[in-house]
């Protein structure tokens, strides 16, 4: 993978976790150093947040020349002090082989440390690794445990995944009501995949009351963000066109107007 590709993937993983995306490092407080020179000085003196910030700066090339090895060095210093953002970022570097040798086991090790510190994106990542046996033994129970921890903290990807697990009976007893519950939480954060799945549940009357207008509303929202969705745009549009036939014009207009005016966080 080329250096620029690794940087793009790294940024996409961080920023593309849809509605609960975690930045590399928590924003600096007003009293903390903000200039590159001040951050470097604080990092050299052992300040973990400054070290994590400096790692992000070196990785993104912000205020300094981009250097993945330097990014890894400073992420490690902060990670060893228990900074969960740095632990997660270091895990990503090992996952991608960016600035460090690619190593799925070390990636999982740092994701676990971040997850145990309460980092929800790391918890979700750890849940995926246990589900797929990626760098860790495959373990459905551990996968469910970490996805649930992340979901309960508001991570929309984990919420969506829990919804899938309950809908399909993967590692848990099949439960359409629980599936709808977690899809609803993720959908309210503008997760288009959850919006699409919630639309299907309303259309079929599984886990929720059958409501074609509500199904059309959620499908309209999902279609607006199809470029972020696992479901491709033509498939979403085809589903929307099929559903249109079962609604009156006034019902479609009301649902589309509601979708146009909808804001994340609303039911």
Foldseek 3Di string as FASTA:
>chain_A
DDLVVLLVVLVCLQPLLALPRDDLAPDDDPPQDDQPVRLVVVLVVQDLRSLSVVLVCLCVVPNHRNDNLSSLVSLVSSVVVQRLSSLQSNLSCLCSVGNHRNDQLSSLVSLVSSVVVPDLSSLQVNLVCLCVVGNHPNDLVSSLVSLVSSVVVQSLSSLQVQLVCQCVVPSHDNAQLSSLVSLVSSVLSLQLQSLQVNLVCLCVVGSHHNDLLSSLLSLLSSLVPQVSDPDHNVVSVVVNVVSVVVDDPVSNVVSNVCSVPDDRPDD
